[in-house]
N, C-alpha and C. Protein backbone atom coordinates (compact mmCIF):
# COMPACT_ATOMS: atom_id res chain seq x y z
N UNK A 1 96.68 112.17 92.79
CA UNK A 1 97.43 112.76 93.89
C UNK A 1 98.56 113.73 93.29
N UNK A 2 98.56 114.93 93.92
CA UNK A 2 99.46 116.00 93.47
C UNK A 2 100.89 115.46 93.95
N UNK A 3 101.86 115.60 92.98
CA UNK A 3 103.11 115.53 93.39
C UNK A 3 103.58 116.76 94.21
N UNK A 4 104.33 116.41 95.34
CA UNK A 4 104.89 117.60 96.03
C UNK A 4 106.43 117.47 96.07
N UNK A 5 107.05 118.70 96.14
CA UNK A 5 108.43 118.54 96.09
C UNK A 5 108.95 118.27 97.49
N UNK A 6 110.20 117.92 97.63
CA UNK A 6 110.62 117.47 98.87
C UNK A 6 110.72 118.71 99.81
N UNK A 7 111.03 119.87 99.38
CA UNK A 7 110.86 121.08 100.26
C UNK A 7 109.57 121.37 100.85
N UNK A 8 108.51 121.36 99.87
CA UNK A 8 107.23 121.54 100.36
C UNK A 8 106.73 120.53 101.33
N UNK A 9 107.04 119.30 101.14
CA UNK A 9 106.67 118.26 102.22
C UNK A 9 107.29 118.55 103.62
N UNK A 10 108.66 118.91 103.49
CA UNK A 10 109.54 119.21 104.67
C UNK A 10 108.70 120.35 105.40
N UNK A 11 108.53 121.50 104.61
CA UNK A 11 107.88 122.60 105.26
C UNK A 11 106.48 122.35 105.91
N UNK A 12 105.72 121.58 105.33
CA UNK A 12 104.39 121.31 105.77
C UNK A 12 104.46 120.34 107.06
N UNK A 13 105.31 119.42 106.97
CA UNK A 13 105.46 118.48 108.11
C UNK A 13 106.21 119.17 109.27
N UNK A 14 107.06 120.01 109.10
CA UNK A 14 107.78 120.57 110.33
C UNK A 14 107.01 121.50 111.05
N UNK A 15 105.76 122.02 110.45
CA UNK A 15 104.97 122.84 111.15
C UNK A 15 104.30 122.09 112.39
N UNK A 16 104.02 120.91 112.28
CA UNK A 16 103.40 120.06 113.37
C UNK A 16 104.30 119.16 113.94
N UNK A 17 105.23 118.58 113.25
CA UNK A 17 105.99 117.56 113.85
C UNK A 17 107.50 118.08 114.19
N UNK A 18 107.87 117.99 115.41
CA UNK A 18 109.08 118.54 115.93
C UNK A 18 110.09 117.49 116.24
N UNK A 19 109.79 116.30 116.35
CA UNK A 19 110.89 115.26 116.55
C UNK A 19 111.56 114.99 115.19
N UNK A 20 112.92 115.07 115.25
CA UNK A 20 113.69 115.15 113.91
C UNK A 20 113.59 113.89 113.27
N UNK A 21 113.60 112.67 114.01
CA UNK A 21 113.43 111.50 113.42
C UNK A 21 112.20 111.15 112.66
N UNK A 22 111.03 111.60 113.42
CA UNK A 22 109.76 111.42 112.88
C UNK A 22 109.63 112.24 111.55
N UNK A 23 110.16 113.42 111.68
CA UNK A 23 110.21 114.36 110.50
C UNK A 23 110.91 113.70 109.39
N UNK A 24 112.06 113.16 109.63
CA UNK A 24 112.95 112.65 108.59
C UNK A 24 112.37 111.49 107.91
N UNK A 25 111.74 110.39 108.84
CA UNK A 25 111.01 109.32 108.29
C UNK A 25 109.84 109.73 107.40
N UNK A 26 109.07 110.65 107.90
CA UNK A 26 107.90 111.06 106.94
C UNK A 26 108.32 111.73 105.60
N UNK A 27 109.45 112.54 105.74
CA UNK A 27 110.07 113.12 104.53
C UNK A 27 110.45 112.11 103.47
N UNK A 28 111.15 111.09 104.07
CA UNK A 28 111.72 109.92 103.24
C UNK A 28 110.49 109.08 102.70
N UNK A 29 109.62 108.88 103.40
CA UNK A 29 108.55 107.93 103.12
C UNK A 29 107.54 108.48 102.09
N UNK A 30 107.35 109.86 102.25
CA UNK A 30 106.34 110.49 101.35
C UNK A 30 106.89 111.24 100.22
N UNK A 31 108.17 111.44 99.91
CA UNK A 31 108.82 112.06 98.80
C UNK A 31 108.92 111.17 97.64
N UNK A 32 108.11 111.41 96.53
CA UNK A 32 108.09 110.62 95.30
C UNK A 32 109.57 110.74 94.74
N UNK A 33 109.94 109.59 93.95
CA UNK A 33 111.26 109.67 93.25
C UNK A 33 112.37 109.28 94.00
N UNK A 34 112.24 109.04 95.38
CA UNK A 34 113.30 108.60 96.17
C UNK A 34 113.23 107.24 96.35
N UNK A 35 114.40 106.42 96.73
CA UNK A 35 114.40 105.06 96.85
C UNK A 35 113.61 104.63 98.22
N UNK A 36 113.39 105.69 99.06
CA UNK A 36 112.62 105.27 100.21
C UNK A 36 111.21 105.71 100.15
N UNK A 37 110.64 106.17 98.97
CA UNK A 37 109.16 106.49 98.78
C UNK A 37 108.34 105.38 99.06
N UNK A 38 107.45 105.39 99.85
CA UNK A 38 106.39 104.27 100.24
C UNK A 38 107.11 103.04 100.69
N UNK A 39 108.32 103.08 101.36
CA UNK A 39 108.97 101.94 101.89
C UNK A 39 109.30 102.33 103.29
N UNK A 40 108.20 101.97 104.16
CA UNK A 40 108.25 102.38 105.72
C UNK A 40 109.44 101.83 106.47
N UNK A 41 109.86 100.50 106.16
CA UNK A 41 110.83 100.04 106.72
C UNK A 41 112.28 100.74 106.45
N UNK A 42 112.51 100.79 105.27
CA UNK A 42 113.79 101.53 104.87
C UNK A 42 113.81 103.14 105.29
N UNK A 43 112.65 103.69 105.18
CA UNK A 43 112.60 105.16 105.63
C UNK A 43 112.83 105.21 107.14
N UNK A 44 112.34 104.15 107.87
CA UNK A 44 112.51 104.25 109.39
C UNK A 44 114.02 104.02 109.75
N UNK A 45 114.67 103.12 109.13
CA UNK A 45 115.97 102.78 109.38
C UNK A 45 116.90 103.94 109.11
N UNK A 46 116.72 104.53 107.85
CA UNK A 46 117.37 105.80 107.42
C UNK A 46 117.10 106.93 108.36
N UNK A 47 116.12 107.04 108.90
CA UNK A 47 115.73 108.17 109.80
C UNK A 47 116.33 107.90 111.25
N UNK A 48 116.73 106.70 111.38
CA UNK A 48 117.35 106.43 112.78
C UNK A 48 116.58 105.66 113.84
N UNK A 49 115.63 105.04 113.39
CA UNK A 49 114.84 104.21 114.23
C UNK A 49 115.37 102.86 114.41
N UNK A 50 115.13 102.12 115.44
CA UNK A 50 115.61 100.72 115.63
C UNK A 50 114.91 99.81 114.69
N UNK A 51 115.50 98.73 114.41
CA UNK A 51 114.85 97.66 113.48
C UNK A 51 113.44 97.28 113.93
N UNK A 52 113.34 97.08 115.27
CA UNK A 52 112.13 96.60 115.89
C UNK A 52 111.02 97.75 115.61
N UNK A 53 111.26 98.97 115.70
CA UNK A 53 110.47 100.08 115.43
C UNK A 53 110.12 100.06 113.82
N UNK A 54 111.21 99.96 113.05
CA UNK A 54 110.92 99.96 111.64
C UNK A 54 110.01 98.95 111.21
N UNK A 55 110.08 97.69 111.78
CA UNK A 55 109.23 96.75 111.26
C UNK A 55 107.68 97.02 111.49
N UNK A 56 107.43 97.79 112.43
CA UNK A 56 105.98 97.98 112.75
C UNK A 56 105.59 99.58 112.63
N UNK A 57 106.40 100.33 112.17
CA UNK A 57 106.15 101.86 112.21
C UNK A 57 104.95 102.27 111.59
N UNK A 58 104.58 101.61 110.44
CA UNK A 58 103.34 102.08 109.69
C UNK A 58 102.05 101.68 110.38
N UNK A 59 102.11 100.59 111.15
CA UNK A 59 100.84 100.20 111.71
C UNK A 59 100.72 100.48 113.19
N UNK A 60 101.88 100.81 113.87
CA UNK A 60 101.71 100.98 115.27
C UNK A 60 101.65 102.38 115.70
N UNK A 61 102.05 103.43 115.01
CA UNK A 61 102.14 104.82 115.62
C UNK A 61 101.12 105.79 114.80
N UNK A 62 100.41 106.49 115.89
CA UNK A 62 99.36 107.52 115.26
C UNK A 62 99.95 108.52 114.56
N UNK A 63 101.17 108.99 114.99
CA UNK A 63 101.80 110.19 114.41
C UNK A 63 102.24 109.82 112.97
N UNK A 64 102.39 108.65 112.59
CA UNK A 64 102.68 108.26 111.13
C UNK A 64 101.44 108.55 110.29
N UNK A 65 100.38 107.92 110.75
CA UNK A 65 99.13 108.19 110.00
C UNK A 65 98.67 109.71 109.98
N UNK A 66 98.99 110.30 110.86
CA UNK A 66 98.60 111.82 111.00
C UNK A 66 99.44 112.59 109.99
N UNK A 67 100.67 112.17 109.91
CA UNK A 67 101.70 112.85 108.97
C UNK A 67 101.26 112.60 107.47
N UNK A 68 100.88 111.32 107.28
CA UNK A 68 100.56 110.88 106.05
C UNK A 68 99.31 111.49 105.51
N UNK A 69 98.35 111.67 106.50
CA UNK A 69 97.05 112.46 106.17
C UNK A 69 97.50 113.97 105.91
N UNK A 70 98.42 114.47 106.68
CA UNK A 70 98.67 115.78 106.48
C UNK A 70 99.18 116.19 105.17
N UNK A 71 99.92 115.22 104.62
CA UNK A 71 100.43 115.46 102.96
C UNK A 71 99.49 114.92 102.05
N UNK A 72 98.86 113.65 102.23
CA UNK A 72 98.13 113.22 101.17
C UNK A 72 96.63 113.61 101.26
N UNK A 73 96.12 114.08 102.54
CA UNK A 73 94.80 114.37 102.65
C UNK A 73 94.14 113.30 103.30
N UNK A 74 92.89 113.53 103.73
CA UNK A 74 92.11 112.24 104.35
C UNK A 74 91.75 111.35 103.25
N UNK A 75 91.92 110.12 103.49
CA UNK A 75 91.41 109.15 102.46
C UNK A 75 90.11 108.72 102.75
N UNK A 76 89.53 108.12 101.75
CA UNK A 76 88.10 107.64 101.94
C UNK A 76 88.12 106.44 102.98
N UNK A 77 87.10 106.52 103.86
CA UNK A 77 86.89 105.34 104.77
C UNK A 77 86.47 104.11 104.00
N UNK A 78 87.42 103.20 104.07
CA UNK A 78 87.03 101.95 103.20
C UNK A 78 85.91 101.11 103.70
N UNK A 79 85.67 101.13 104.90
CA UNK A 79 84.42 100.47 105.37
C UNK A 79 83.21 101.10 104.97
N UNK A 80 83.12 102.38 104.95
CA UNK A 80 81.92 103.06 104.31
C UNK A 80 81.57 102.77 102.97
N UNK A 81 82.85 102.95 102.14
CA UNK A 81 82.91 102.63 100.77
C UNK A 81 82.52 101.19 100.48
N UNK A 82 82.89 100.15 101.24
CA UNK A 82 82.60 98.78 101.14
C UNK A 82 81.04 98.55 101.26
N UNK A 83 80.49 99.26 102.24
CA UNK A 83 79.10 99.26 102.62
C UNK A 83 78.16 99.66 101.48
N UNK A 84 78.57 100.83 100.93
CA UNK A 84 77.90 101.34 99.90
C UNK A 84 77.83 100.50 98.73
N UNK A 85 79.13 99.96 98.43
CA UNK A 85 79.32 98.98 97.37
C UNK A 85 78.38 97.74 97.39
N UNK A 86 78.34 97.20 98.65
CA UNK A 86 77.42 96.08 98.99
C UNK A 86 75.89 96.33 98.65
N UNK A 87 75.61 97.59 99.07
CA UNK A 87 74.17 97.92 98.83
C UNK A 87 73.88 98.09 97.31
N UNK A 88 74.65 98.66 96.63
CA UNK A 88 74.61 98.97 95.22
C UNK A 88 74.49 97.47 94.42
N UNK A 89 75.48 96.58 94.74
CA UNK A 89 75.55 95.35 94.33
C UNK A 89 74.09 94.37 94.53
N UNK A 90 73.84 94.68 95.73
CA UNK A 90 72.57 93.88 96.15
C UNK A 90 71.34 94.31 95.47
N UNK A 91 71.16 95.56 95.28
CA UNK A 91 70.08 96.25 94.49
C UNK A 91 70.12 95.65 93.08
N UNK A 92 71.48 95.70 92.53
CA UNK A 92 71.59 95.21 91.09
C UNK A 92 71.33 93.78 90.96
N UNK A 93 71.74 92.98 91.74
CA UNK A 93 71.48 91.48 91.74
C UNK A 93 69.99 91.24 91.81
N UNK A 94 69.25 92.08 92.60
CA UNK A 94 67.79 91.92 92.76
C UNK A 94 67.01 92.63 91.76
N UNK A 95 67.54 93.29 90.75
CA UNK A 95 66.88 94.12 89.73
C UNK A 95 65.90 93.32 89.00
N UNK A 96 64.79 94.09 88.59
CA UNK A 96 63.84 93.44 87.78
C UNK A 96 64.26 93.21 86.25
N UNK A 97 65.18 94.00 85.92
CA UNK A 97 65.80 93.88 84.58
C UNK A 97 66.82 92.72 84.78
N UNK A 98 66.58 91.73 84.03
CA UNK A 98 67.53 90.49 83.90
C UNK A 98 68.96 90.85 83.49
N UNK A 99 68.85 91.83 82.51
CA UNK A 99 70.27 92.25 82.02
C UNK A 99 71.20 92.90 83.06
N UNK A 100 70.64 93.66 83.94
CA UNK A 100 71.42 94.40 84.98
C UNK A 100 71.67 93.24 86.02
N UNK A 101 70.87 92.43 86.30
CA UNK A 101 71.27 91.30 87.24
C UNK A 101 72.35 90.36 86.80
N UNK A 102 72.31 90.12 85.42
CA UNK A 102 73.21 89.25 84.69
C UNK A 102 74.58 89.92 84.78
N UNK A 103 74.69 91.17 84.34
CA UNK A 103 75.89 91.84 84.24
C UNK A 103 76.58 92.06 85.59
N UNK A 104 75.72 92.25 86.61
CA UNK A 104 76.29 92.40 87.94
C UNK A 104 76.91 91.15 88.49
N UNK A 105 76.17 90.00 88.22
CA UNK A 105 76.63 88.73 88.65
C UNK A 105 77.95 88.29 87.89
N UNK A 106 78.07 88.74 86.59
CA UNK A 106 79.24 88.49 85.85
C UNK A 106 80.38 89.38 86.36
N UNK A 107 80.03 90.54 86.82
CA UNK A 107 81.12 91.62 87.24
C UNK A 107 81.61 90.90 88.65
N UNK A 108 80.81 90.55 89.56
CA UNK A 108 81.25 90.01 90.89
C UNK A 108 81.91 88.63 90.66
N UNK A 109 81.43 87.83 89.85
CA UNK A 109 82.13 86.57 89.55
C UNK A 109 83.65 86.74 88.95
N UNK A 110 83.72 87.74 88.05
CA UNK A 110 84.99 87.99 87.38
C UNK A 110 86.08 88.52 88.41
N UNK A 111 85.57 89.15 89.47
CA UNK A 111 86.46 89.74 90.52
C UNK A 111 86.78 88.63 91.58
N UNK A 112 85.82 87.73 91.81
CA UNK A 112 86.11 86.65 92.74
C UNK A 112 87.00 85.61 92.05
N UNK A 113 86.54 85.24 90.99
CA UNK A 113 87.53 84.28 90.21
C UNK A 113 87.64 84.62 88.77
N UNK A 114 88.86 85.24 88.42
CA UNK A 114 89.07 85.70 87.08
C UNK A 114 88.83 84.61 86.00
N UNK A 115 89.10 83.42 86.19
CA UNK A 115 88.96 82.41 85.33
C UNK A 115 87.57 82.30 84.82
N UNK A 116 86.57 82.78 85.67
CA UNK A 116 85.12 82.67 85.32
C UNK A 116 84.85 83.52 83.97
N UNK A 117 85.41 84.53 83.96
CA UNK A 117 85.03 85.56 82.92
C UNK A 117 85.89 85.30 81.53
N UNK A 118 87.00 84.74 81.78
CA UNK A 118 88.06 84.68 80.60
C UNK A 118 87.66 83.56 79.72
N UNK A 119 87.66 83.88 78.44
CA UNK A 119 87.51 82.75 77.46
C UNK A 119 88.82 81.93 77.31
N UNK A 120 88.59 80.68 77.30
CA UNK A 120 89.80 79.75 77.23
C UNK A 120 89.56 78.87 76.00
N UNK A 121 90.56 78.79 75.32
CA UNK A 121 90.60 77.84 74.07
C UNK A 121 90.96 76.36 74.67
N UNK A 122 90.30 75.36 74.36
CA UNK A 122 90.66 74.11 74.52
C UNK A 122 91.11 73.35 73.32
N UNK A 123 92.30 72.76 73.45
CA UNK A 123 92.84 72.08 72.22
C UNK A 123 93.21 70.71 72.76
N UNK A 124 92.56 69.78 72.37
CA UNK A 124 92.86 68.36 72.55
C UNK A 124 92.94 67.62 71.39
N UNK A 125 93.70 66.63 71.34
CA UNK A 125 93.88 65.68 70.27
C UNK A 125 92.99 64.54 70.38
N UNK A 126 92.10 64.48 69.43
CA UNK A 126 91.25 63.25 69.60
C UNK A 126 91.89 62.06 68.67
N UNK A 127 91.88 60.85 69.01
CA UNK A 127 92.52 59.91 68.30
C UNK A 127 91.70 59.52 67.02
N UNK A 128 92.51 59.18 65.98
CA UNK A 128 91.90 58.69 64.78
C UNK A 128 90.96 57.68 65.13
N UNK A 129 89.84 57.43 64.24
CA UNK A 129 88.93 56.33 64.45
C UNK A 129 89.76 55.16 64.09
N UNK A 130 89.50 53.99 64.77
CA UNK A 130 90.22 52.89 64.53
C UNK A 130 90.18 52.17 63.20
N UNK A 131 88.93 52.36 62.66
CA UNK A 131 88.61 51.81 61.28
C UNK A 131 88.86 52.76 60.22
N UNK A 132 89.65 53.77 60.31
CA UNK A 132 89.98 54.69 59.31
C UNK A 132 89.06 55.80 59.01
N UNK A 133 88.08 55.99 59.76
CA UNK A 133 87.10 57.17 59.85
C UNK A 133 85.89 56.86 58.82
N UNK A 134 85.75 55.74 58.34
CA UNK A 134 84.59 55.43 57.47
C UNK A 134 83.74 54.37 58.17
N UNK A 135 82.43 54.47 57.96
CA UNK A 135 81.41 53.66 58.51
C UNK A 135 81.49 52.35 57.73
N UNK A 136 81.38 51.19 58.27
CA UNK A 136 81.39 49.98 57.69
C UNK A 136 79.91 49.83 57.14
N UNK A 137 79.90 49.09 56.02
CA UNK A 137 78.62 48.71 55.43
C UNK A 137 77.62 48.02 56.55
N UNK A 138 78.26 47.20 57.36
CA UNK A 138 77.48 46.42 58.24
C UNK A 138 76.95 47.24 59.47
N UNK A 139 77.58 48.44 59.67
CA UNK A 139 77.13 49.32 60.72
C UNK A 139 76.07 50.26 60.53
N UNK A 140 75.84 50.45 59.14
CA UNK A 140 74.78 51.34 58.65
C UNK A 140 73.44 50.56 58.74
N UNK A 141 72.57 51.17 59.59
CA UNK A 141 71.16 50.59 59.65
C UNK A 141 70.37 50.98 58.41
N UNK A 142 69.82 50.18 57.87
CA UNK A 142 68.94 50.39 56.62
C UNK A 142 67.55 50.82 57.23
N UNK A 143 66.98 51.79 56.58
CA UNK A 143 65.78 52.42 57.01
C UNK A 143 64.63 51.31 56.82
N UNK A 144 64.68 50.51 55.93
CA UNK A 144 63.50 49.53 55.58
C UNK A 144 63.70 48.32 56.50
N UNK A 145 64.71 48.29 57.46
CA UNK A 145 64.80 47.17 58.23
C UNK A 145 63.90 47.35 59.57
């Protein structure tokens, strides 16, 4: 993502957004390097919105997502991406090549449960044998018996 200066962000947003509070919110929220960057609540409070609005501003208002898209561009549709990923993973798991199927299963498992893929060292203290670690003569079975 390209870094945009505060002035360029302000200019681009002000062409479409005329409400001063909305404009101020988006400037604060989208300008990298400020303490309000990517902080919807603090940006909304600083821009003059009520606390109730600030709590839900990112999820409730279409103008917010439109403003973000204007600056950052359209993002990838996550549903479409997830469906494509499912298809690829399904094909890989059903592959005739066992190496591909195994690698795919390992990849999926490592993302579901990271402990699955990580090697772990097991250190346990075993007690010393009661009789000093040597076999007693009477415990050794003779082959000729």
